[in-house]
Amino acid sequence: MANGQWFPAEWPERIQALAEGRLTPVEPRRAATVMLLKDTSTDTGPAVHMLRRRASMAFAGGAYAYPGGGVDPRDDDHHVRWAGPTRAWWANRLGVDETSAQAIVCAAVRETYEEAGVLLAGPTPDSVVGDTTGAAWETDRAALVARDLSFAEFLDRRGLVLRSDLLGAWARWITPEFETRRYDTWFFVAVLPEGQRTRNASTEADRTVWITPGEAAASYDKGDLTMMPPTIATLRGLIPYGSAAEALSSAPERDLTPVLARARLEGGEVVLSWPGHEEFTKRIPTGGAPA
């Protein structure tokens, strides 16, 4: 491939099956991922925290991504101590009902803590916890990962308030219909809280980096970094911003219309495209490799 776009070998066959009506799409699961930002000492803008998925992973092994994962259904029902915009505001912003909005925002905060060790919560509505690297914190984090502890229970145990005002909704991408595992994923942006630091806390990653969006995009274009379309697309969207705070403040203006890949048969080819993102278009000869 000319760039670092991740493209599984089984896609052409599944795309053709979908286009011919032989494949029934699975329902996508709700998910959230967070582009965690911090300012740098250079004039190249903020850096973003990324992790590299282990090569052994069945899905997107070796690809660079952000901390994120699926919604825990328990976060739909349990009351969560909350600061920032109301659940009704978030429901309107995310295009879902209020219970779903709470669960999606909870997933964003929980997954950032589980995979990067950064927690967007504090003892009061206008504070954030400091260092979260102690043994007791790690015990709670492991319980969250194992789903032995719900996020609401975790916040209650710690006497913490979720800081939804520290998140900005950035984009929404839905896994293509021909994939075996599908996610309806909301991408958020957040600024690394003062006093906290990231670490590779994910069992799915073998490396983490802080990198400017421009540098990451250039490495993708050269084929040095592998990424899925939503990752490189959201990275490119961050390039114009000079600071982490500037990117966060711009989030309410971002379009959250879901991006869903489309596949169609055209002559002797399967054409795969993402509306509004022409750079990802692939033309695949029937039974052949992507062009």
C-alpha atoms as a PDB file:
ATOM      1  CA  MET A   1       0.000   0.000   0.000  1.00  0.00           C
ATOM      2  CA  ALA A   2       1.184   3.537  -0.687  1.00  0.00           C
ATOM      3  CA  ASN A   3       0.178   4.772   2.746  1.00  0.00           C
ATOM      4  CA  GLY A   4      -0.543   3.224   6.129  1.00  0.00           C
ATOM      5  CA  GLN A   5      -4.229   2.457   5.604  1.00  0.00           C
ATOM      6  CA  TRP A   6      -5.181  -0.800   7.321  1.00  0.00           C
ATOM      7  CA  PHE A   7      -6.899  -3.166   4.917  1.00  0.00           C
ATOM      8  CA  PRO A   8      -7.686  -6.776   5.969  1.00  0.00           C
ATOM      9  CA  ALA A   9      -7.224  -9.533   3.415  1.00  0.00           C
ATOM     10  CA  GLU A  10     -10.774 -10.828   3.907  1.00  0.00           C
ATOM     11  CA  TRP A  11     -12.453  -7.510   3.069  1.00  0.00           C
ATOM     12  CA  PRO A  12     -12.803  -7.980  -0.741  1.00  0.00           C
ATOM     13  CA  GLU A  13     -14.709 -11.242  -0.361  1.00  0.00           C
ATOM     14  CA  ARG A  14     -16.989  -9.851   2.359  1.00  0.00           C
ATOM     15  CA  ILE A  15     -17.572  -6.605   0.449  1.00  0.00           C
ATOM     16  CA  GLN A  16     -18.622  -8.557  -2.633  1.00  0.00           C
ATOM     17  CA  ALA A  17     -20.932 -10.745  -0.542  1.00  0.00           C
ATOM     18  CA  LEU A  18     -22.565  -7.641   0.950  1.00  0.00           C
ATOM     19  CA  ALA A  19     -22.937  -5.967  -2.432  1.00  0.00           C
ATOM     20  CA  GLU A  20     -24.578  -9.112  -3.838  1.00  0.00           C
ATOM     21  CA  GLY A  21     -26.959  -9.466  -0.895  1.00  0.00           C
ATOM     22  CA  ARG A  22     -25.323 -12.623   0.489  1.00  0.00           C
ATOM     23  CA  LEU A  23     -24.175 -11.020   3.755  1.00  0.00           C
ATOM     24  CA  THR A  24     -26.412  -9.751   6.559  1.00  0.00           C
ATOM     25  CA  PRO A  25     -24.743  -6.931   8.550  1.00  0.00           C
ATOM     26  CA  VAL A  26     -24.414  -7.381  12.310  1.00  0.00           C
ATOM     27  CA  GLU A  27     -25.684  -4.639  14.598  1.00  0.00           C
ATOM     28  CA  PRO A  28     -22.936  -2.226  15.720  1.00  0.00           C
ATOM     29  CA  ARG A  29     -22.130  -1.892  19.425  1.00  0.00           C
ATOM     30  CA  ARG A  30     -21.862   1.542  21.007  1.00  0.00           C
ATOM     31  CA  ALA A  31     -18.287   2.616  21.731  1.00  0.00           C
ATOM     32  CA  ALA A  32     -16.194   5.664  22.600  1.00  0.00           C
ATOM     33  CA  THR A  33     -12.584   6.659  22.055  1.00  0.00           C
ATOM     34  CA  VAL A  34     -10.619   9.684  23.273  1.00  0.00           C
ATOM     35  CA  MET A  35      -7.943  11.794  21.611  1.00  0.00           C
ATOM     36  CA  LEU A  36      -5.997  12.900  24.673  1.00  0.00           C
ATOM     37  CA  LEU A  37      -3.999  16.077  23.999  1.00  0.00           C
ATOM     38  CA  LYS A  38      -1.188  17.998  25.679  1.00  0.00           C
ATOM     39  CA  ASP A  39       0.708  21.102  24.642  1.00  0.00           C
ATOM     40  CA  THR A  40       4.316  20.857  23.476  1.00  0.00           C
ATOM     41  CA  SER A  41       7.229  23.251  23.777  1.00  0.00           C
ATOM     42  CA  THR A  42       7.320  23.721  20.007  1.00  0.00           C
ATOM     43  CA  ASP A  43       5.156  25.715  17.614  1.00  0.00           C
ATOM     44  CA  THR A  44       3.838  22.573  15.918  1.00  0.00           C
ATOM     45  CA  GLY A  45       0.692  22.417  18.036  1.00  0.00           C
ATOM     46  CA  PRO A  46      -0.397  19.911  20.668  1.00  0.00           C
ATOM     47  CA  ALA A  47       0.602  16.257  20.809  1.00  0.00           C
ATOM     48  CA  VAL A  48      -1.918  13.414  20.912  1.00  0.00           C
ATOM     49  CA  HIS A  49      -1.588  10.195  22.894  1.00  0.00           C
ATOM     50  CA  MET A  50      -1.697   7.078  20.701  1.00  0.00           C
ATOM     51  CA  LEU A  51      -1.234   3.380  21.298  1.00  0.00           C
ATOM     52  CA  ARG A  52      -0.134   0.659  18.916  1.00  0.00           C
ATOM     53  CA  ARG A  53      -2.322  -2.418  18.931  1.00  0.00           C
ATOM     54  CA  ARG A  54      -0.417  -5.673  19.413  1.00  0.00           C
ATOM     55  CA  ALA A  55       0.359  -7.473  16.170  1.00  0.00           C
ATOM     56  CA  SER A  56      -1.365 -10.551  17.579  1.00  0.00           C
ATOM     57  CA  MET A  57      -4.722  -8.748  17.817  1.00  0.00           C
ATOM     58  CA  ALA A  58      -7.363 -10.207  15.484  1.00  0.00           C
ATOM     59  CA  PHE A  59      -8.674  -6.739  14.626  1.00  0.00           C
ATOM     60  CA  ALA A  60      -6.273  -4.040  13.340  1.00  0.00           C
ATOM     61  CA  GLY A  61      -3.148  -5.661  14.768  1.00  0.00           C
ATOM     62  CA  GLY A  62      -0.186  -3.272  14.528  1.00  0.00           C
ATOM     63  CA  ALA A  63      -2.388  -0.256  13.854  1.00  0.00           C
ATOM     64  CA  TYR A  64      -2.131   2.972  15.838  1.00  0.00           C
ATOM     65  CA  ALA A  65      -5.266   4.113  17.628  1.00  0.00           C
ATOM     66  CA  TYR A  66      -6.528   6.033  20.671  1.00  0.00           C
ATOM     67  CA  PRO A  67      -7.681   4.685  24.041  1.00  0.00           C
ATOM     68  CA  GLY A  68     -11.241   3.464  23.676  1.00  0.00           C
ATOM     69  CA  GLY A  69     -13.691   0.605  23.809  1.00  0.00           C
ATOM     70  CA  GLY A  70     -17.264  -0.527  24.094  1.00  0.00           C
ATOM     71  CA  VAL A  71     -20.010   0.884  26.291  1.00  0.00           C
ATOM     72  CA  ASP A  72     -20.768  -0.966  29.542  1.00  0.00           C
ATOM     73  CA  PRO A  73     -24.584  -1.459  29.602  1.00  0.00           C
ATOM     74  CA  ARG A  74     -24.551  -0.918  33.373  1.00  0.00           C
ATOM     75  CA  ASP A  75     -23.758   2.746  32.722  1.00  0.00           C
ATOM     76  CA  ASP A  76     -27.169   3.136  31.076  1.00  0.00           C
ATOM     77  CA  ASP A  77     -29.041   2.513  34.295  1.00  0.00           C
ATOM     78  CA  HIS A  78     -26.919   3.571  37.269  1.00  0.00           C
ATOM     79  CA  HIS A  79     -26.855   7.136  38.486  1.00  0.00           C
ATOM     80  CA  VAL A  80     -23.432   8.668  37.945  1.00  0.00           C
ATOM     81  CA  ARG A  81     -22.139  11.674  39.843  1.00  0.00           C
ATOM     82  CA  TRP A  82     -21.899  14.242  37.061  1.00  0.00           C
ATOM     83  CA  ALA A  83     -20.421  17.702  36.358  1.00  0.00           C
ATOM     84  CA  GLY A  84     -20.505  19.812  33.223  1.00  0.00           C
ATOM     85  CA  PRO A  85     -23.183  19.887  30.512  1.00  0.00           C
ATOM     86  CA  THR A  86     -26.342  18.019  31.459  1.00  0.00           C
ATOM     87  CA  ARG A  87     -27.265  14.574  30.194  1.00  0.00           C
ATOM     88  CA  ALA A  88     -29.951  16.244  28.074  1.00  0.00           C
ATOM     89  CA  TRP A  89     -27.294  18.475  26.477  1.00  0.00           C
ATOM     90  CA  TRP A  90     -25.100  15.470  25.735  1.00  0.00           C
ATOM     91  CA  ALA A  91     -28.067  13.513  24.357  1.00  0.00           C
ATOM     92  CA  ASN A  92     -28.739  16.311  21.889  1.00  0.00           C
ATOM     93  CA  ARG A  93     -25.048  16.597  20.996  1.00  0.00           C
ATOM     94  CA  LEU A  94     -24.507  12.874  20.477  1.00  0.00           C
ATOM     95  CA  GLY A  95     -27.848  12.207  18.794  1.00  0.00           C
ATOM     96  CA  VAL A  96     -29.053   9.636  21.321  1.00  0.00           C
ATOM     97  CA  ASP A  97     -31.339   9.444  24.363  1.00  0.00           C
ATOM     98  CA  GLU A  98     -30.195  10.599  27.800  1.00  0.00           C
ATOM     99  CA  THR A  99     -29.394   7.172  29.223  1.00  0.00           C
ATOM    100  CA  SER A 100     -27.327   6.317  26.154  1.00  0.00           C
ATOM    101  CA  ALA A 101     -25.568   9.678  26.362  1.00  0.00           C
ATOM    102  CA  GLN A 102     -24.533   8.975  29.948  1.00  0.00           C
ATOM    103  CA  ALA A 103     -23.246   5.536  28.992  1.00  0.00           C
ATOM    104  CA  ILE A 104     -21.236   6.840  26.023  1.00  0.00           C
ATOM    105  CA  VAL A 105     -19.618   9.628  28.045  1.00  0.00           C
ATOM    106  CA  CYS A 106     -18.896   7.149  30.855  1.00  0.00           C
ATOM    107  CA  ALA A 107     -17.261   4.814  28.323  1.00  0.00           C
ATOM    108  CA  ALA A 108     -15.014   7.619  27.083  1.00  0.00           C
ATOM    109  CA  VAL A 109     -13.842   8.489  30.606  1.00  0.00           C
ATOM    110  CA  ARG A 110     -13.579   4.867  31.768  1.00  0.00           C
ATOM    111  CA  GLU A 111     -11.641   3.642  28.740  1.00  0.00           C
ATOM    112  CA  THR A 112      -9.174   6.533  29.011  1.00  0.00           C
ATOM    113  CA  TYR A 113      -8.516   5.501  32.599  1.00  0.00           C
ATOM    114  CA  GLU A 114      -8.344   1.781  31.786  1.00  0.00           C
ATOM    115  CA  GLU A 115      -5.967   2.108  28.834  1.00  0.00           C
ATOM    116  CA  ALA A 116      -3.983   5.273  29.568  1.00  0.00           C
ATOM    117  CA  GLY A 117      -4.229   5.670  33.340  1.00  0.00           C
ATOM    118  CA  VAL A 118      -5.764   9.158  32.994  1.00  0.00           C
ATOM    119  CA  LEU A 119      -8.970   9.938  34.881  1.00  0.00           C
ATOM    120  CA  LEU A 120     -11.292  12.816  33.954  1.00  0.00           C
ATOM    121  CA  ALA A 121     -12.966  13.023  37.343  1.00  0.00           C
ATOM    122  CA  GLY A 122     -12.474  14.813  40.642  1.00  0.00           C
ATOM    123  CA  PRO A 123     -13.763  15.063  44.210  1.00  0.00           C
ATOM    124  CA  THR A 124     -15.732  18.206  43.322  1.00  0.00           C
ATOM    125  CA  PRO A 125     -17.386  19.488  40.132  1.00  0.00           C
ATOM    126  CA  ASP A 126     -14.478  21.869  39.510  1.00  0.00           C
ATOM    127  CA  SER A 127     -11.483  19.679  40.423  1.00  0.00           C
ATOM    128  CA  VAL A 128      -9.569  16.737  38.957  1.00  0.00           C
ATOM    129  CA  VAL A 129      -7.691  13.976  40.738  1.00  0.00           C
ATOM    130  CA  GLY A 130      -3.894  14.090  40.694  1.00  0.00           C
ATOM    131  CA  ASP A 131      -1.568  11.105  40.368  1.00  0.00           C
ATOM    132  CA  THR A 132      -3.461   7.815  39.858  1.00  0.00           C
ATOM    133  CA  THR A 133      -0.520   5.409  39.798  1.00  0.00           C
ATOM    134  CA  GLY A 134      -0.730   3.977  43.338  1.00  0.00           C
ATOM    135  CA  ALA A 135      -1.492   0.342  44.179  1.00  0.00           C
ATOM    136  CA  ALA A 136      -5.055   1.065  45.323  1.00  0.00           C
ATOM    137  CA  TRP A 137      -5.787   2.940  42.101  1.00  0.00           C
ATOM    138  CA  GLU A 138      -4.384   0.061  40.096  1.00  0.00           C
ATOM    139  CA  THR A 139      -6.600  -2.430  41.923  1.00  0.00           C
ATOM    140  CA  ASP A 140      -9.681  -0.410  41.016  1.00  0.00           C
ATOM    141  CA  ARG A 141      -8.498   0.021  37.428  1.00  0.00           C
ATOM    142  CA  ALA A 142      -8.010  -3.737  37.037  1.00  0.00           C
ATOM    143  CA  ALA A 143     -11.504  -4.344  38.446  1.00  0.00           C
ATOM    144  CA  LEU A 144     -12.935  -1.954  35.861  1.00  0.00           C
ATOM    145  CA  VAL A 145     -11.092  -3.739  33.046  1.00  0.00           C
ATOM    146  CA  ALA A 146     -12.416  -7.105  34.257  1.00  0.00           C
ATOM    147  CA  ARG A 147     -15.931  -5.598  34.547  1.00  0.00           C
ATOM    148  CA  ASP A 148     -16.005  -6.685  38.180  1.00  0.00           C
ATOM    149  CA  LEU A 149     -16.700  -3.045  39.021  1.00  0.00           C
ATOM    150  CA  SER A 150     -18.993  -0.670  37.165  1.00  0.00           C
ATOM    151  CA  PHE A 151     -17.848   2.866  36.511  1.00  0.00           C
ATOM    152  CA  ALA A 152     -20.672   4.275  38.653  1.00  0.00           C
ATOM    153  CA  GLU A 153     -19.582   2.020  41.529  1.00  0.00           C
ATOM    154  CA  PHE A 154     -15.982   3.111  41.041  1.00  0.00           C
ATOM    155  CA  LEU A 155     -16.912   6.799  41.206  1.00  0.00           C
ATOM    156  CA  ASP A 156     -19.044   6.234  44.317  1.00  0.00           C
ATOM    157  CA  ARG A 157     -16.314   4.233  46.038  1.00  0.00           C
ATOM    158  CA  ARG A 158     -13.835   7.023  45.389  1.00  0.00           C
ATOM    159  CA  GLY A 159     -16.241   9.874  46.046  1.00  0.00           C
ATOM    160  CA  LEU A 160     -15.606  11.254  42.581  1.00  0.00           C
ATOM    161  CA  VAL A 161     -17.592  13.339  40.100  1.00  0.00           C
ATOM    162  CA  LEU A 162     -17.343  12.649  36.359  1.00  0.00           C
ATOM    163  CA  ARG A 163     -16.130  15.805  34.575  1.00  0.00           C
ATOM    164  CA  SER A 164     -18.083  15.725  31.321  1.00  0.00           C
ATOM    165  CA  ASP A 165     -16.998  19.330  30.704  1.00  0.00           C
ATOM    166  CA  LEU A 166     -13.444  18.067  30.089  1.00  0.00           C
ATOM    167  CA  LEU A 167     -14.613  16.186  26.992  1.00  0.00           C
ATOM    168  CA  GLY A 168     -15.541  17.470  23.569  1.00  0.00           C
ATOM    169  CA  ALA A 169     -17.385  15.318  21.017  1.00  0.00           C
ATOM    170  CA  TRP A 170     -15.329  15.344  17.811  1.00  0.00           C
ATOM    171  CA  ALA A 171     -16.638  12.782  15.309  1.00  0.00           C
ATOM    172  CA  ARG A 172     -18.732   9.653  14.903  1.00  0.00           C
ATOM    173  CA  TRP A 173     -17.770   6.671  12.751  1.00  0.00           C
ATOM    174  CA  ILE A 174     -19.622   3.397  12.270  1.00  0.00           C
ATOM    175  CA  THR A 175     -17.751   0.215  11.341  1.00  0.00           C
ATOM    176  CA  PRO A 176     -18.545  -0.861   7.748  1.00  0.00           C
ATOM    177  CA  GLU A 177     -21.474  -3.216   7.305  1.00  0.00           C
ATOM    178  CA  PHE A 178     -19.289  -6.011   5.944  1.00  0.00           C
ATOM    179  CA  GLU A 179     -17.194  -6.301   9.121  1.00  0.00           C
ATOM    180  CA  THR A 180     -17.747  -9.240  11.494  1.00  0.00           C
ATOM    181  CA  ARG A 181     -17.437  -6.960  14.546  1.00  0.00           C
ATOM    182  CA  ARG A 182     -19.037  -3.550  14.258  1.00  0.00           C
ATOM    183  CA  TYR A 183     -18.961  -0.453  16.461  1.00  0.00           C
ATOM    184  CA  ASP A 184     -20.841   2.829  16.469  1.00  0.00           C
ATOM    185  CA  THR A 185     -17.997   4.940  17.847  1.00  0.00           C
ATOM    186  CA  TRP A 186     -18.032   8.488  19.152  1.00  0.00           C
ATOM    187  CA  PHE A 187     -14.627  10.188  19.080  1.00  0.00           C
ATOM    188  CA  PHE A 188     -13.912  12.679  21.843  1.00  0.00           C
ATOM    189  CA  VAL A 189     -11.101  15.139  22.503  1.00  0.00           C
ATOM    190  CA  ALA A 190      -9.741  15.958  25.979  1.00  0.00           C
ATOM    191  CA  VAL A 191      -6.766  17.749  27.515  1.00  0.00           C
ATOM    192  CA  LEU A 192      -4.382  15.834  29.795  1.00  0.00           C
ATOM    193  CA  PRO A 193      -5.216  17.043  33.337  1.00  0.00           C
ATOM    194  CA  GLU A 194      -2.461  18.775  35.271  1.00  0.00           C
ATOM    195  CA  GLY A 195      -0.665  16.373  37.614  1.00  0.00           C
ATOM    196  CA  GLN A 196      -1.608  13.227  35.696  1.00  0.00           C
ATOM    197  CA  ARG A 197       0.540  11.298  33.260  1.00  0.00           C
ATOM    198  CA  THR A 198      -0.183   8.590  30.728  1.00  0.00           C
ATOM    199  CA  ARG A 199       1.133   5.052  30.812  1.00  0.00           C
ATOM    200  CA  ASN A 200       0.572   1.935  28.744  1.00  0.00           C
ATOM    201  CA  ALA A 201      -2.089   0.294  30.880  1.00  0.00           C
ATOM    202  CA  SER A 202      -3.724  -1.595  28.013  1.00  0.00           C
ATOM    203  CA  THR A 203      -3.247  -5.315  27.468  1.00  0.00           C
ATOM    204  CA  GLU A 204      -4.076  -4.709  23.798  1.00  0.00           C
ATOM    205  CA  ALA A 205      -1.158  -2.330  23.118  1.00  0.00           C
ATOM    206  CA  ASP A 206       2.580  -2.939  22.890  1.00  0.00           C
ATOM    207  CA  ARG A 207       3.588   0.728  22.612  1.00  0.00           C
ATOM    208  CA  THR A 208       2.292   4.207  23.365  1.00  0.00           C
ATOM    209  CA  VAL A 209       3.516   7.540  22.019  1.00  0.00           C
ATOM    210  CA  TRP A 210       2.872  11.252  22.270  1.00  0.00           C
ATOM    211  CA  ILE A 211       3.017  12.582  18.728  1.00  0.00           C
ATOM    212  CA  THR A 212       1.797  15.707  16.965  1.00  0.00           C
ATOM    213  CA  PRO A 213      -1.077  15.093  14.547  1.00  0.00           C
ATOM    214  CA  GLY A 214       0.992  16.521  11.704  1.00  0.00           C
ATOM    215  CA  GLU A 215       3.896  14.175  12.382  1.00  0.00           C
ATOM    216  CA  ALA A 216       1.591  11.179  12.717  1.00  0.00           C
ATOM    217  CA  ALA A 217      -0.233  12.026   9.483  1.00  0.00           C
ATOM    218  CA  ALA A 218       3.065  12.437   7.614  1.00  0.00           C
ATOM    219  CA  SER A 219       4.242   9.037   8.868  1.00  0.00           C
ATOM    220  CA  TYR A 220       0.941   7.502   7.758  1.00  0.00           C
ATOM    221  CA  ASP A 221       1.297   9.058   4.304  1.00  0.00           C
ATOM    222  CA  LYS A 222       4.764   7.498   3.979  1.00  0.00           C
ATOM    223  CA  GLY A 223       3.459   4.105   5.093  1.00  0.00           C
ATOM    224  CA  ASP A 224       5.435   4.130   8.347  1.00  0.00           C
ATOM    225  CA  LEU A 225       2.393   4.159  10.657  1.00  0.00           C
ATOM    226  CA  THR A 226      -0.639   1.944  10.057  1.00  0.00           C
ATOM    227  CA  MET A 227      -4.043   3.390  10.930  1.00  0.00           C
ATOM    228  CA  MET A 228      -7.705   2.762  10.253  1.00  0.00           C
ATOM    229  CA  PRO A 229      -9.598   5.480   8.315  1.00  0.00           C
ATOM    230  CA  PRO A 230     -11.298   7.035  11.386  1.00  0.00           C
ATOM    231  CA  THR A 231      -7.953   7.437  13.147  1.00  0.00           C
ATOM    232  CA  ILE A 232      -6.114   9.218  10.347  1.00  0.00           C
ATOM    233  CA  ALA A 233      -9.199  11.288   9.491  1.00  0.00           C
ATOM    234  CA  THR A 234      -9.547  12.588  13.054  1.00  0.00           C
ATOM    235  CA  LEU A 235      -5.793  13.203  13.252  1.00  0.00           C
ATOM    236  CA  ARG A 236      -5.930  15.391  10.167  1.00  0.00           C
ATOM    237  CA  GLY A 237      -8.772  17.332  11.781  1.00  0.00           C
ATOM    238  CA  LEU A 238      -6.517  18.211  14.722  1.00  0.00           C
ATOM    239  CA  ILE A 239      -3.640  19.614  12.657  1.00  0.00           C
ATOM    240  CA  PRO A 240      -4.907  23.235  12.371  1.00  0.00           C
ATOM    241  CA  TYR A 241      -5.070  23.800  16.147  1.00  0.00           C
ATOM    242  CA  GLY A 242      -2.220  25.540  17.944  1.00  0.00           C
ATOM    243  CA  SER A 243      -3.022  24.302  21.442  1.00  0.00           C
ATOM    244  CA  ALA A 244      -4.877  21.537  23.231  1.00  0.00           C
ATOM    245  CA  ALA A 245      -7.331  24.025  24.736  1.00  0.00           C
ATOM    246  CA  GLU A 246      -8.061  25.493  21.309  1.00  0.00           C
ATOM    247  CA  ALA A 247      -8.933  22.058  19.929  1.00  0.00           C
ATOM    248  CA  LEU A 248     -11.188  21.284  22.898  1.00  0.00           C
ATOM    249  CA  SER A 249     -13.007  24.615  22.651  1.00  0.00           C
ATOM    250  CA  SER A 250     -13.737  23.996  18.967  1.00  0.00           C
ATOM    251  CA  ALA A 251     -15.354  20.596  19.574  1.00  0.00           C
ATOM    252  CA  PRO A 252     -18.981  21.856  19.904  1.00  0.00           C
ATOM    253  CA  GLU A 253     -18.769  23.099  16.307  1.00  0.00           C
ATOM    254  CA  ARG A 254     -17.747  19.712  14.910  1.00  0.00           C
ATOM    255  CA  ASP A 255     -20.155  17.786  12.673  1.00  0.00           C
ATOM    256  CA  LEU A 256     -21.205  14.487  14.278  1.00  0.00           C
ATOM    257  CA  THR A 257     -23.004  13.075  11.262  1.00  0.00           C
ATOM    258  CA  PRO A 258     -22.077   9.359  11.305  1.00  0.00           C
ATOM    259  CA  VAL A 259     -19.493   8.276   8.733  1.00  0.00           C
ATOM    260  CA  LEU A 260     -20.290   4.829   7.330  1.00  0.00           C
ATOM    261  CA  ALA A 261     -18.356   3.158   4.525  1.00  0.00           C
ATOM    262  CA  ARG A 262     -20.289   2.172   1.431  1.00  0.00           C
ATOM    263  CA  ALA A 263     -19.526  -0.751  -0.861  1.00  0.00           C
ATOM    264  CA  ARG A 264     -20.954  -1.224  -4.347  1.00  0.00           C
ATOM    265  CA  LEU A 265     -20.322  -3.342  -7.425  1.00  0.00           C
ATOM    266  CA  GLU A 266     -19.226  -1.327 -10.440  1.00  0.00           C
ATOM    267  CA  GLY A 267     -18.291  -3.236 -13.557  1.00  0.00           C
ATOM    268  CA  GLY A 268     -15.738  -5.825 -12.558  1.00  0.00           C
ATOM    269  CA  GLU A 269     -14.819  -4.035  -9.359  1.00  0.00           C
ATOM    270  CA  VAL A 270     -16.031  -3.550  -5.830  1.00  0.00           C
ATOM    271  CA  VAL A 271     -15.812   0.137  -4.907  1.00  0.00           C
ATOM    272  CA  LEU A 272     -15.351   0.927  -1.215  1.00  0.00           C
ATOM    273  CA  SER A 273     -15.789   4.540  -0.129  1.00  0.00           C
ATOM    274  CA  TRP A 274     -16.281   6.654   2.979  1.00  0.00           C
ATOM    275  CA  PRO A 275     -18.604   9.629   2.252  1.00  0.00           C
ATOM    276  CA  GLY A 276     -16.755  12.904   2.687  1.00  0.00           C
ATOM    277  CA  HIS A 277     -13.361  11.158   2.868  1.00  0.00           C
ATOM    278  CA  GLU A 278     -12.314  10.456  -0.690  1.00  0.00           C
ATOM    279  CA  GLU A 279      -8.723   9.591   0.259  1.00  0.00           C
ATOM    280  CA  PHE A 280      -9.893   6.217   1.571  1.00  0.00           C
ATOM    281  CA  THR A 281     -11.702   5.086  -1.595  1.00  0.00           C
ATOM    282  CA  LYS A 282     -10.588   1.641  -2.774  1.00  0.00           C
ATOM    283  CA  ARG A 283     -11.372  -0.046  -6.080  1.00  0.00           C
ATOM    284  CA  ILE A 284     -11.069  -3.799  -5.730  1.00  0.00           C
ATOM    285  CA  PRO A 285     -11.130  -6.103  -8.774  1.00  0.00           C
ATOM    286  CA  THR A 286     -13.487  -8.999  -8.119  1.00  0.00           C
ATOM    287  CA  GLY A 287     -11.349 -11.604  -6.414  1.00  0.00           C
ATOM    288  CA  GLY A 288      -8.339  -9.266  -6.434  1.00  0.00           C
ATOM    289  CA  ALA A 289      -6.382  -6.917  -4.174  1.00  0.00           C
ATOM    290  CA  PRO A 290      -7.301  -3.270  -3.427  1.00  0.00           C
ATOM    291  CA  ALA A 291      -6.087  -0.601  -5.808  1.00  0.00           C
END
